[in-house]
Protein backbone atom coordinates (compact mmCIF):
# COMPACT_ATOMS: atom_id res chain seq x y z
CA MET A 1 -44.35 10.42 9.90
CA SER A 2 -41.46 9.66 8.06
CA LYS A 3 -41.01 10.65 4.40
CA SER A 4 -40.67 8.35 1.79
CA PRO A 5 -37.43 8.14 -0.65
CA THR A 6 -37.76 10.38 -3.66
CA LYS A 7 -35.46 9.78 -6.36
CA THR A 8 -34.79 12.67 -9.62
CA VAL A 9 -36.13 11.73 -13.08
CA THR A 10 -36.12 13.99 -16.13
CA TYR A 11 -38.56 13.68 -19.28
CA SER A 12 -36.31 14.07 -22.29
CA GLY A 13 -39.16 13.49 -24.69
CA GLY A 14 -40.43 14.48 -28.00
CA SER A 15 -42.97 17.08 -26.49
CA THR A 16 -42.23 20.12 -24.46
CA GLY A 17 -43.59 18.52 -21.57
CA VAL A 18 -46.15 16.13 -20.22
CA VAL A 19 -48.80 15.37 -17.62
CA MET A 20 -48.01 11.77 -16.09
CA HIS A 21 -51.20 9.89 -14.20
CA LEU A 22 -49.08 7.17 -12.59
CA SER A 23 -50.42 3.95 -10.77
CA SER A 24 -49.56 5.30 -7.08
CA GLY A 25 -52.07 8.41 -8.21
CA HIS A 26 -49.75 11.01 -8.11
CA VAL A 27 -50.32 13.28 -10.87
CA VAL A 28 -46.91 15.12 -12.29
CA GLU A 29 -46.21 17.32 -14.77
CA PHE A 30 -42.81 16.84 -16.86
CA LEU A 31 -41.11 19.74 -18.72
CA HIS A 32 -38.55 18.30 -21.18
CA GLY A 33 -35.44 18.76 -19.40
CA VAL A 34 -36.27 19.92 -16.10
CA PRO A 35 -35.20 17.77 -13.20
CA VAL A 36 -38.27 16.46 -11.20
CA GLU A 37 -38.50 14.90 -8.03
CA VAL A 38 -40.79 11.79 -7.34
CA SER A 39 -41.57 8.79 -4.68
CA ALA A 40 -39.37 5.88 -5.73
CA GLU A 41 -42.34 3.85 -6.63
CA ASP A 42 -42.62 6.57 -9.00
CA ALA A 43 -39.44 6.28 -10.05
CA LYS A 44 -39.72 3.02 -10.63
CA SER A 45 -42.79 2.92 -12.71
CA LEU A 46 -41.00 5.33 -15.44
CA ALA A 47 -37.53 3.63 -15.28
CA GLY A 48 -39.18 1.16 -18.17
CA ASN A 49 -40.09 4.13 -20.41
CA PRO A 50 -36.99 5.23 -22.53
CA ASP A 51 -38.40 8.89 -22.16
CA PHE A 52 -37.43 9.19 -18.13
CA GLN A 53 -33.82 8.78 -17.44
CA PRO A 54 -32.55 9.65 -13.68
CA ALA A 55 -31.71 13.21 -13.12
CA PRO A 56 -27.91 13.65 -12.73
CA LYS A 57 -26.45 14.21 -9.14
CA ALA A 58 -25.85 17.99 -8.21
CA THR A 59 -22.74 18.62 -8.25
CA THR A 60 -21.08 20.24 -5.10
CA PRO A 61 -17.84 21.56 -4.50
CA THR A 62 -16.65 19.81 -1.50
CA THR A 63 -15.65 22.11 1.04
CA LYS A 64 -13.37 21.70 4.46
CA PRO A 65 -15.38 21.99 7.77
CA SER A 66 -14.34 24.87 9.08
CA GLU A 67 -12.97 24.81 12.81
CA GLU A 68 -16.69 25.67 14.41
CA ASP A 69 -18.35 23.00 12.89
CA ALA A 70 -16.18 20.42 13.97
C-alpha cells in the first residue's frame, strides 16, 4: 500500500493549541507554532482557516556528493 502525500501545517491561532476533528475522520492535535504533518486532504480542508498556514520548508545546506556516493 502506498503512503498518501502529506503536507506540513502550523497552527498560529490565539490558543496554546487545538484538537481538530477533520472531515477525513482524523483527529489531530495542533500546538501553537509546532509544525504538524497531515494528509494532503486534511491540509486542503485547513487551508481556508486563517489560524493554519503551510509550515516553512526545512532548510538544509546543500552538500556536494562525495565520490563514494556517485
